[in-house]
Amino acid sequence: MNLVIQGGVVAEHDLLQIAHLAGARHIARLSATAYRLTGAQQRPSIAEYCIRAGLDCGFVPEERKLADMRLLAIDMDSTLITIECIDEVADLAGLKAEVAAITAAAMAGELDYAQSLRRRVALLRGMDQEALLRVYDERLRLSPGAETMLDSMHRAGIKTLLVSGGFSFFTERLKSRLSLDYSYSNVLDIVGGRISGRVNGDIVDAEAKAAKLRALRDELGIPRSAIIAIGDGANDLAMMAEAGVSIAYRAKPVTRSKAGYALDYTGLDGVLNLFS
């Protein structure tokens, strides 16, 4: 196995100590902040050391290549982008604290997602739809490394799916902006230019995300092993379970504990190092 070590800063003494713990044969530099240790042995002490050092680590099969992957499914809020859109919309009405508390509980798996979304959307009732555009223009930012990662996925011929429990107002704009192949999310009901407090159609929850991924997988004839899924919250777990490579990005503990890999210190471009 290869062991990939990456972080904001990878100190030489940390790298050498991790190589010793893993019994690695060789250290190769992948970038200024990422290294591959070949012939590494999986030992609990490695993850423990990396947590103390503030580094991301992941054991990667030597034969795994990005060219072998065919589909990337990625969550939007707090994954592809740095914000929770609904929290920022609520902030414009002075309701961010109340809405954000419900969002946090849902992402931690403490609340049923569909129920939590209906509760949050109801609080937005009567807001001018202009608030959505303000959030997109003024507050929405891509996560570090997002464009680098997506550019590499596109060059490798990998299809991209943005699947979100958020709103189509944002996913459709990001799909166009980033040249994504597919998007799937909730449709916020707008009546007379104002948010009605309802969602049109069925709620895109954890199972809906997973079902969309399965449907697209079957449509494209893609094996599970050729799918990458990235998310941060409990409602991403079912989707991530459908992928051959699951990655928790800046994730809640429940998500991090069940993912194949966790990126807590690197940007989304750190995903690429898991296929080098």
C-alpha atoms as a PDB file:
ATOM      1  CA  MET A   1       0.000   0.000   0.000  1.00  0.00           C
ATOM      2  CA  ASN A   2       0.983   3.608  -0.478  1.00  0.00           C
ATOM      3  CA  LEU A   3       0.420   6.076   2.330  1.00  0.00           C
ATOM      4  CA  VAL A   4      -0.426   9.645   1.311  1.00  0.00           C
ATOM      5  CA  ILE A   5       0.409  12.359   3.827  1.00  0.00           C
ATOM      6  CA  GLN A   6      -0.773  15.921   3.219  1.00  0.00           C
ATOM      7  CA  GLY A   7      -1.612  19.095   5.073  1.00  0.00           C
ATOM      8  CA  GLY A   8      -1.120  22.834   5.179  1.00  0.00           C
ATOM      9  CA  VAL A   9       2.506  22.295   6.213  1.00  0.00           C
ATOM     10  CA  VAL A  10       4.223  18.911   6.328  1.00  0.00           C
ATOM     11  CA  ALA A  11       7.252  19.214   8.607  1.00  0.00           C
ATOM     12  CA  GLU A  12      10.230  17.024   7.706  1.00  0.00           C
ATOM     13  CA  HIS A  13      10.491  15.508  11.164  1.00  0.00           C
ATOM     14  CA  ASP A  14       6.803  14.540  11.084  1.00  0.00           C
ATOM     15  CA  LEU A  15       7.188  12.985   7.658  1.00  0.00           C
ATOM     16  CA  LEU A  16      10.203  10.954   8.720  1.00  0.00           C
ATOM     17  CA  GLN A  17       8.512   9.789  11.910  1.00  0.00           C
ATOM     18  CA  ILE A  18       5.400   8.683  10.000  1.00  0.00           C
ATOM     19  CA  ALA A  19       7.570   6.847   7.467  1.00  0.00           C
ATOM     20  CA  HIS A  20       9.253   5.038  10.360  1.00  0.00           C
ATOM     21  CA  LEU A  21       5.929   4.097  11.953  1.00  0.00           C
ATOM     22  CA  ALA A  22       4.680   2.776   8.612  1.00  0.00           C
ATOM     23  CA  GLY A  23       7.866   0.940   7.705  1.00  0.00           C
ATOM     24  CA  ALA A  24       7.777   2.728   4.343  1.00  0.00           C
ATOM     25  CA  ARG A  25      10.385   1.955   1.706  1.00  0.00           C
ATOM     26  CA  HIS A  26      10.474   5.343  -0.019  1.00  0.00           C
ATOM     27  CA  ILE A  27       9.166   8.922   0.262  1.00  0.00           C
ATOM     28  CA  ALA A  28       8.085  10.721  -2.915  1.00  0.00           C
ATOM     29  CA  ARG A  29       7.032  14.347  -3.028  1.00  0.00           C
ATOM     30  CA  LEU A  30       3.703  14.887  -4.784  1.00  0.00           C
ATOM     31  CA  SER A  31       3.459  18.637  -4.200  1.00  0.00           C
ATOM     32  CA  ALA A  32       4.648  21.275  -1.769  1.00  0.00           C
ATOM     33  CA  THR A  33       2.208  19.926   0.821  1.00  0.00           C
ATOM     34  CA  ALA A  34       1.758  16.235  -0.072  1.00  0.00           C
ATOM     35  CA  TYR A  35       3.929  13.112  -0.020  1.00  0.00           C
ATOM     36  CA  ARG A  36       3.548   9.458  -0.976  1.00  0.00           C
ATOM     37  CA  LEU A  37       5.146   6.797   1.209  1.00  0.00           C
ATOM     38  CA  THR A  38       5.488   3.512  -0.691  1.00  0.00           C
ATOM     39  CA  GLY A  39       5.356   0.077   0.873  1.00  0.00           C
ATOM     40  CA  ALA A  40       3.619   1.389   3.986  1.00  0.00           C
ATOM     41  CA  GLN A  41       2.079  -0.859   6.626  1.00  0.00           C
ATOM     42  CA  GLN A  42      -1.306   0.007   8.170  1.00  0.00           C
ATOM     43  CA  ARG A  43      -0.904   0.675  11.882  1.00  0.00           C
ATOM     44  CA  PRO A  44      -3.211   2.566  14.306  1.00  0.00           C
ATOM     45  CA  SER A  45      -0.299   4.684  15.535  1.00  0.00           C
ATOM     46  CA  ILE A  46      -0.083   6.404  12.136  1.00  0.00           C
ATOM     47  CA  ALA A  47      -3.552   7.953  12.261  1.00  0.00           C
ATOM     48  CA  GLU A  48      -3.013   8.932  15.894  1.00  0.00           C
ATOM     49  CA  TYR A  49       0.260  10.675  15.021  1.00  0.00           C
ATOM     50  CA  CYS A  50      -1.282  12.501  12.056  1.00  0.00           C
ATOM     51  CA  ILE A  51      -4.136  13.818  14.189  1.00  0.00           C
ATOM     52  CA  ARG A  52      -1.624  15.285  16.639  1.00  0.00           C
ATOM     53  CA  ALA A  53       0.426  16.753  13.786  1.00  0.00           C
ATOM     54  CA  GLY A  54      -2.579  18.222  11.961  1.00  0.00           C
ATOM     55  CA  LEU A  55      -2.080  16.118   8.843  1.00  0.00           C
ATOM     56  CA  ASP A  56      -4.368  14.136   6.573  1.00  0.00           C
ATOM     57  CA  CYS A  57      -3.364  10.561   5.861  1.00  0.00           C
ATOM     58  CA  GLY A  58      -4.775   7.830   3.665  1.00  0.00           C
ATOM     59  CA  PHE A  59      -3.706   4.363   2.582  1.00  0.00           C
ATOM     60  CA  VAL A  60      -4.064   4.005  -1.171  1.00  0.00           C
ATOM     61  CA  PRO A  61      -3.734   0.837  -3.287  1.00  0.00           C
ATOM     62  CA  GLU A  62      -0.642   1.123  -5.456  1.00  0.00           C
ATOM     63  CA  GLU A  63      -2.604   0.335  -8.617  1.00  0.00           C
ATOM     64  CA  ARG A  64      -5.291   3.016  -8.145  1.00  0.00           C
ATOM     65  CA  LYS A  65      -5.247   5.718 -10.827  1.00  0.00           C
ATOM     66  CA  LEU A  66      -7.518   8.677 -11.527  1.00  0.00           C
ATOM     67  CA  ALA A  67      -7.833   7.432 -15.120  1.00  0.00           C
ATOM     68  CA  ASP A  68      -9.735   4.411 -13.810  1.00  0.00           C
ATOM     69  CA  MET A  69     -12.485   6.541 -12.242  1.00  0.00           C
ATOM     70  CA  ARG A  70     -15.588   7.494 -14.215  1.00  0.00           C
ATOM     71  CA  LEU A  71     -17.946   9.441 -11.945  1.00  0.00           C
ATOM     72  CA  LEU A  72     -17.541  12.014  -9.189  1.00  0.00           C
ATOM     73  CA  ALA A  73     -20.522  12.780  -6.945  1.00  0.00           C
ATOM     74  CA  ILE A  74     -20.046  15.751  -4.647  1.00  0.00           C
ATOM     75  CA  ASP A  75     -22.211  17.526  -2.091  1.00  0.00           C
ATOM     76  CA  MET A  76     -22.607  21.303  -2.333  1.00  0.00           C
ATOM     77  CA  ASP A  77     -22.991  23.078   1.020  1.00  0.00           C
ATOM     78  CA  SER A  78     -19.832  22.997   3.168  1.00  0.00           C
ATOM     79  CA  THR A  79     -18.212  20.672   0.614  1.00  0.00           C
ATOM     80  CA  LEU A  80     -17.939  22.132  -2.882  1.00  0.00           C
ATOM     81  CA  ILE A  81     -18.624  25.553  -1.351  1.00  0.00           C
ATOM     82  CA  THR A  82     -17.665  26.966   2.026  1.00  0.00           C
ATOM     83  CA  ILE A  83     -21.121  28.007   3.221  1.00  0.00           C
ATOM     84  CA  GLU A  84     -24.519  26.529   4.048  1.00  0.00           C
ATOM     85  CA  CYS A  85     -26.669  28.521   1.622  1.00  0.00           C
ATOM     86  CA  ILE A  86     -29.859  28.299   3.652  1.00  0.00           C
ATOM     87  CA  ASP A  87     -28.060  29.662   6.728  1.00  0.00           C
ATOM     88  CA  GLU A  88     -26.816  32.658   4.751  1.00  0.00           C
ATOM     89  CA  VAL A  89     -30.245  33.352   3.272  1.00  0.00           C
ATOM     90  CA  ALA A  90     -31.654  33.235   6.799  1.00  0.00           C
ATOM     91  CA  ASP A  91     -28.962  35.654   7.947  1.00  0.00           C
ATOM     92  CA  LEU A  92     -30.390  38.314   5.661  1.00  0.00           C
ATOM     93  CA  ALA A  93     -33.615  38.043   7.659  1.00  0.00           C
ATOM     94  CA  GLY A  94     -31.875  37.974  11.038  1.00  0.00           C
ATOM     95  CA  LEU A  95     -32.647  34.273  11.493  1.00  0.00           C
ATOM     96  CA  LYS A  96     -29.228  32.700  10.955  1.00  0.00           C
ATOM     97  CA  ALA A  97     -28.693  31.433  14.497  1.00  0.00           C
ATOM     98  CA  GLU A  98     -32.049  29.678  14.597  1.00  0.00           C
ATOM     99  CA  VAL A  99     -31.712  28.127  11.143  1.00  0.00           C
ATOM    100  CA  ALA A 100     -28.028  27.228  11.569  1.00  0.00           C
ATOM    101  CA  ALA A 101     -28.808  25.313  14.769  1.00  0.00           C
ATOM    102  CA  ILE A 102     -31.274  23.130  12.864  1.00  0.00           C
ATOM    103  CA  THR A 103     -28.778  22.695  10.015  1.00  0.00           C
ATOM    104  CA  ALA A 104     -26.025  21.594  12.402  1.00  0.00           C
ATOM    105  CA  ALA A 105     -28.273  19.051  14.100  1.00  0.00           C
ATOM    106  CA  ALA A 106     -29.317  17.600  10.745  1.00  0.00           C
ATOM    107  CA  MET A 107     -25.711  17.361   9.474  1.00  0.00           C
ATOM    108  CA  ALA A 108     -24.664  15.630  12.689  1.00  0.00           C
ATOM    109  CA  GLY A 109     -27.407  13.056  12.190  1.00  0.00           C
ATOM    110  CA  GLU A 110     -29.431  14.242  15.175  1.00  0.00           C
ATOM    111  CA  LEU A 111     -32.512  15.252  13.141  1.00  0.00           C
ATOM    112  CA  ASP A 112     -34.374  13.711  10.225  1.00  0.00           C
ATOM    113  CA  TYR A 113     -33.162  15.681   7.210  1.00  0.00           C
ATOM    114  CA  ALA A 114     -36.504  16.112   5.442  1.00  0.00           C
ATOM    115  CA  GLN A 115     -38.161  17.330   8.618  1.00  0.00           C
ATOM    116  CA  SER A 116     -35.292  19.684   9.391  1.00  0.00           C
ATOM    117  CA  LEU A 117     -35.354  21.184   5.889  1.00  0.00           C
ATOM    118  CA  ARG A 118     -39.085  21.844   6.037  1.00  0.00           C
ATOM    119  CA  ARG A 119     -38.632  23.553   9.397  1.00  0.00           C
ATOM    120  CA  ARG A 120     -35.840  25.757   8.073  1.00  0.00           C
ATOM    121  CA  VAL A 121     -37.587  26.676   4.834  1.00  0.00           C
ATOM    122  CA  ALA A 122     -40.756  27.588   6.742  1.00  0.00           C
ATOM    123  CA  LEU A 123     -38.742  30.180   8.648  1.00  0.00           C
ATOM    124  CA  LEU A 124     -37.854  31.882   5.346  1.00  0.00           C
ATOM    125  CA  ARG A 125     -41.470  32.457   4.387  1.00  0.00           C
ATOM    126  CA  GLY A 126     -42.092  35.910   2.926  1.00  0.00           C
ATOM    127  CA  MET A 127     -38.470  36.695   2.069  1.00  0.00           C
ATOM    128  CA  ASP A 128     -37.842  38.353  -1.288  1.00  0.00           C
ATOM    129  CA  GLN A 129     -36.225  35.930  -3.752  1.00  0.00           C
ATOM    130  CA  GLU A 130     -33.550  38.593  -4.290  1.00  0.00           C
ATOM    131  CA  ALA A 131     -31.981  37.223  -1.097  1.00  0.00           C
ATOM    132  CA  LEU A 132     -30.978  34.086  -2.992  1.00  0.00           C
ATOM    133  CA  LEU A 133     -29.062  36.076  -5.591  1.00  0.00           C
ATOM    134  CA  ARG A 134     -27.408  38.172  -2.914  1.00  0.00           C
ATOM    135  CA  VAL A 135     -26.109  35.052  -1.201  1.00  0.00           C
ATOM    136  CA  TYR A 136     -24.818  33.655  -4.491  1.00  0.00           C
ATOM    137  CA  ASP A 137     -23.119  36.898  -5.522  1.00  0.00           C
ATOM    138  CA  GLU A 138     -21.865  38.131  -2.161  1.00  0.00           C
ATOM    139  CA  ARG A 139     -21.270  35.107   0.056  1.00  0.00           C
ATOM    140  CA  LEU A 140     -20.887  31.915  -1.931  1.00  0.00           C
ATOM    141  CA  ARG A 141     -17.247  30.872  -2.277  1.00  0.00           C
ATOM    142  CA  LEU A 142     -15.780  27.656  -3.653  1.00  0.00           C
ATOM    143  CA  SER A 143     -13.865  25.509  -1.209  1.00  0.00           C
ATOM    144  CA  PRO A 144     -10.063  25.715  -1.551  1.00  0.00           C
ATOM    145  CA  GLY A 145      -8.797  23.540  -4.372  1.00  0.00           C
ATOM    146  CA  ALA A 146     -12.256  22.945  -5.863  1.00  0.00           C
ATOM    147  CA  GLU A 147     -11.465  24.246  -9.335  1.00  0.00           C
ATOM    148  CA  THR A 148      -8.118  22.436  -9.468  1.00  0.00           C
ATOM    149  CA  MET A 149      -9.814  19.177  -8.539  1.00  0.00           C
ATOM    150  CA  LEU A 150     -12.641  19.619 -11.055  1.00  0.00           C
ATOM    151  CA  ASP A 151     -10.260  20.603 -13.855  1.00  0.00           C
ATOM    152  CA  SER A 152      -8.352  17.354 -13.305  1.00  0.00           C
ATOM    153  CA  MET A 153     -11.589  15.347 -13.234  1.00  0.00           C
ATOM    154  CA  HIS A 154     -12.677  16.901 -16.522  1.00  0.00           C
ATOM    155  CA  ARG A 155      -9.305  16.211 -18.166  1.00  0.00           C
ATOM    156  CA  ALA A 156      -9.547  12.579 -17.039  1.00  0.00           C
ATOM    157  CA  GLY A 157     -12.983  12.275 -18.665  1.00  0.00           C
ATOM    158  CA  ILE A 158     -14.752  11.760 -15.347  1.00  0.00           C
ATOM    159  CA  LYS A 159     -18.451  12.711 -15.246  1.00  0.00           C
ATOM    160  CA  THR A 160     -19.423  15.071 -12.433  1.00  0.00           C
ATOM    161  CA  LEU A 161     -22.618  15.102 -10.372  1.00  0.00           C
ATOM    162  CA  LEU A 162     -23.442  17.878  -7.924  1.00  0.00           C
ATOM    163  CA  VAL A 163     -26.026  16.356  -5.590  1.00  0.00           C
ATOM    164  CA  SER A 164     -27.373  18.437  -2.744  1.00  0.00           C
ATOM    165  CA  GLY A 165     -30.006  18.719  -0.070  1.00  0.00           C
ATOM    166  CA  GLY A 166     -29.788  22.441  -0.801  1.00  0.00           C
ATOM    167  CA  PHE A 167     -31.520  24.396  -3.527  1.00  0.00           C
ATOM    168  CA  SER A 168     -31.516  24.270  -7.328  1.00  0.00           C
ATOM    169  CA  PHE A 169     -31.126  28.059  -7.430  1.00  0.00           C
ATOM    170  CA  PHE A 170     -27.509  27.501  -6.374  1.00  0.00           C
ATOM    171  CA  THR A 171     -26.733  24.078  -7.870  1.00  0.00           C
ATOM    172  CA  GLU A 172     -27.841  25.085 -11.361  1.00  0.00           C
ATOM    173  CA  ARG A 173     -25.642  28.180 -11.299  1.00  0.00           C
ATOM    174  CA  LEU A 174     -22.675  26.187 -10.094  1.00  0.00           C
ATOM    175  CA  LYS A 175     -23.318  23.491 -12.682  1.00  0.00           C
ATOM    176  CA  SER A 176     -23.073  26.085 -15.460  1.00  0.00           C
ATOM    177  CA  ARG A 177     -20.170  27.972 -13.917  1.00  0.00           C
ATOM    178  CA  LEU A 178     -18.050  24.867 -13.308  1.00  0.00           C
ATOM    179  CA  SER A 179     -19.114  22.862 -16.394  1.00  0.00           C
ATOM    180  CA  LEU A 180     -20.545  20.046 -14.295  1.00  0.00           C
ATOM    181  CA  ASP A 181     -22.418  17.277 -16.083  1.00  0.00           C
ATOM    182  CA  TYR A 182     -25.340  16.755 -13.705  1.00  0.00           C
ATOM    183  CA  SER A 183     -27.005  18.382 -10.713  1.00  0.00           C
ATOM    184  CA  TYR A 184     -29.792  17.280  -8.395  1.00  0.00           C
ATOM    185  CA  SER A 185     -31.279  19.248  -5.510  1.00  0.00           C
ATOM    186  CA  ASN A 186     -34.409  20.673  -3.915  1.00  0.00           C
ATOM    187  CA  VAL A 187     -36.569  23.254  -5.670  1.00  0.00           C
ATOM    188  CA  LEU A 188     -37.520  26.172  -3.460  1.00  0.00           C
ATOM    189  CA  ASP A 189     -41.093  27.336  -4.012  1.00  0.00           C
ATOM    190  CA  ILE A 190     -41.358  30.984  -5.071  1.00  0.00           C
ATOM    191  CA  VAL A 191     -44.723  32.749  -5.241  1.00  0.00           C
ATOM    192  CA  GLY A 192     -45.037  36.326  -6.402  1.00  0.00           C
ATOM    193  CA  GLY A 193     -41.301  36.879  -6.107  1.00  0.00           C
ATOM    194  CA  ARG A 194     -41.202  35.701  -2.495  1.00  0.00           C
ATOM    195  CA  ILE A 195     -40.170  32.488  -0.751  1.00  0.00           C
ATOM    196  CA  SER A 196     -43.391  30.657   0.137  1.00  0.00           C
ATOM    197  CA  GLY A 197     -41.875  28.610   2.951  1.00  0.00           C
ATOM    198  CA  ARG A 198     -42.287  25.352   1.012  1.00  0.00           C
ATOM    199  CA  VAL A 199     -40.220  23.030  -1.166  1.00  0.00           C
ATOM    200  CA  ASN A 200     -41.635  21.803  -4.457  1.00  0.00           C
ATOM    201  CA  GLY A 201     -41.740  18.042  -4.888  1.00  0.00           C
ATOM    202  CA  ASP A 202     -40.064  15.387  -2.777  1.00  0.00           C
ATOM    203  CA  ILE A 203     -37.251  16.365  -0.443  1.00  0.00           C
ATOM    204  CA  VAL A 204     -33.749  15.472  -1.612  1.00  0.00           C
ATOM    205  CA  ASP A 205     -32.552  13.715   1.525  1.00  0.00           C
ATOM    206  CA  ALA A 206     -29.893  11.084   2.169  1.00  0.00           C
ATOM    207  CA  GLU A 207     -31.704   8.271   0.385  1.00  0.00           C
ATOM    208  CA  ALA A 208     -32.655  10.498  -2.539  1.00  0.00           C
ATOM    209  CA  LYS A 209     -28.996  11.414  -2.996  1.00  0.00           C
ATOM    210  CA  ALA A 210     -27.998   7.753  -2.973  1.00  0.00           C
ATOM    211  CA  ALA A 211     -30.817   6.835  -5.357  1.00  0.00           C
ATOM    212  CA  LYS A 212     -29.735   9.519  -7.811  1.00  0.00           C
ATOM    213  CA  LEU A 213     -26.185   8.207  -7.749  1.00  0.00           C
ATOM    214  CA  ARG A 214     -27.374   4.629  -8.317  1.00  0.00           C
ATOM    215  CA  ALA A 215     -29.630   5.675 -11.184  1.00  0.00           C
ATOM    216  CA  LEU A 216     -26.844   7.596 -12.895  1.00  0.00           C
ATOM    217  CA  ARG A 217     -24.404   4.747 -12.297  1.00  0.00           C
ATOM    218  CA  ASP A 218     -26.770   2.294 -13.963  1.00  0.00           C
ATOM    219  CA  GLU A 219     -27.572   4.669 -16.816  1.00  0.00           C
ATOM    220  CA  LEU A 220     -23.895   5.175 -17.602  1.00  0.00           C
ATOM    221  CA  GLY A 221     -22.919   1.570 -16.932  1.00  0.00           C
ATOM    222  CA  ILE A 222     -20.338   2.507 -14.318  1.00  0.00           C
ATOM    223  CA  PRO A 223     -19.099   0.001 -11.719  1.00  0.00           C
ATOM    224  CA  ARG A 224     -19.147   1.009  -8.059  1.00  0.00           C
ATOM    225  CA  SER A 225     -15.340   0.811  -7.958  1.00  0.00           C
ATOM    226  CA  ALA A 226     -15.094   3.661 -10.491  1.00  0.00           C
ATOM    227  CA  ILE A 227     -17.135   6.149  -8.433  1.00  0.00           C
ATOM    228  CA  ILE A 228     -15.823   8.867  -6.081  1.00  0.00           C
ATOM    229  CA  ALA A 229     -18.225  10.474  -3.597  1.00  0.00           C
ATOM    230  CA  ILE A 230     -17.399  13.466  -1.411  1.00  0.00           C
ATOM    231  CA  GLY A 231     -19.513  14.900   1.404  1.00  0.00           C
ATOM    232  CA  ASP A 232     -19.457  16.422   4.845  1.00  0.00           C
ATOM    233  CA  GLY A 233     -22.696  15.557   6.643  1.00  0.00           C
ATOM    234  CA  ALA A 234     -24.787  12.625   7.812  1.00  0.00           C
ATOM    235  CA  ASN A 235     -27.088  13.051   4.825  1.00  0.00           C
ATOM    236  CA  ASP A 236     -24.142  12.230   2.530  1.00  0.00           C
ATOM    237  CA  LEU A 237     -23.410   8.832   4.064  1.00  0.00           C
ATOM    238  CA  ALA A 238     -25.854   6.787   1.986  1.00  0.00           C
ATOM    239  CA  MET A 239     -24.474   8.362  -1.199  1.00  0.00           C
ATOM    240  CA  MET A 240     -20.900   7.797  -0.088  1.00  0.00           C
ATOM    241  CA  ALA A 241     -21.670   4.137   0.626  1.00  0.00           C
ATOM    242  CA  GLU A 242     -22.480   3.701  -3.078  1.00  0.00           C
ATOM    243  CA  ALA A 243     -18.979   4.751  -4.138  1.00  0.00           C
ATOM    244  CA  GLY A 244     -15.780   2.818  -4.469  1.00  0.00           C
ATOM    245  CA  VAL A 245     -13.896   5.768  -2.964  1.00  0.00           C
ATOM    246  CA  SER A 246     -15.652   7.823  -0.279  1.00  0.00           C
ATOM    247  CA  ILE A 247     -14.106  11.039   1.040  1.00  0.00           C
ATOM    248  CA  ALA A 248     -15.218  13.114   4.021  1.00  0.00           C
ATOM    249  CA  TYR A 249     -14.288  16.749   3.483  1.00  0.00           C
ATOM    250  CA  ARG A 250     -14.109  19.019   6.553  1.00  0.00           C
ATOM    251  CA  ALA A 251     -16.743  16.628   7.817  1.00  0.00           C
ATOM    252  CA  LYS A 252     -18.842  16.053  10.895  1.00  0.00           C
ATOM    253  CA  PRO A 253     -17.519  13.234  13.153  1.00  0.00           C
ATOM    254  CA  VAL A 254     -20.246  10.780  12.134  1.00  0.00           C
ATOM    255  CA  THR A 255     -19.341  11.245   8.470  1.00  0.00           C
ATOM    256  CA  ARG A 256     -15.592  11.178   8.980  1.00  0.00           C
ATOM    257  CA  SER A 257     -15.793   7.922  10.937  1.00  0.00           C
ATOM    258  CA  LYS A 258     -17.538   6.064   8.095  1.00  0.00           C
ATOM    259  CA  ALA A 259     -15.694   7.448   5.078  1.00  0.00           C
ATOM    260  CA  GLY A 260     -12.789   5.759   3.358  1.00  0.00           C
ATOM    261  CA  TYR A 261     -10.742   8.958   3.609  1.00  0.00           C
ATOM    262  CA  ALA A 262     -10.961  12.243   5.476  1.00  0.00           C
ATOM    263  CA  LEU A 263      -9.574  15.594   4.382  1.00  0.00           C
ATOM    264  CA  ASP A 264      -9.519  17.931   7.357  1.00  0.00           C
ATOM    265  CA  TYR A 265      -6.439  20.031   6.620  1.00  0.00           C
ATOM    266  CA  THR A 266      -6.092  20.103   2.840  1.00  0.00           C
ATOM    267  CA  GLY A 267      -8.307  21.580   0.137  1.00  0.00           C
ATOM    268  CA  LEU A 268     -10.378  19.594  -2.327  1.00  0.00           C
ATOM    269  CA  ASP A 269      -7.323  19.355  -4.571  1.00  0.00           C
ATOM    270  CA  GLY A 270      -6.044  16.929  -1.926  1.00  0.00           C
ATOM    271  CA  VAL A 271      -8.454  14.408  -3.462  1.00  0.00           C
ATOM    272  CA  LEU A 272      -6.118  14.126  -6.465  1.00  0.00           C
ATOM    273  CA  ASN A 273      -3.233  12.929  -4.310  1.00  0.00           C
ATOM    274  CA  LEU A 274      -5.260   9.846  -3.391  1.00  0.00           C
ATOM    275  CA  PHE A 275      -4.952   8.722  -7.017  1.00  0.00           C
ATOM    276  CA  SER A 276      -1.303   9.418  -7.715  1.00  0.00           C
END
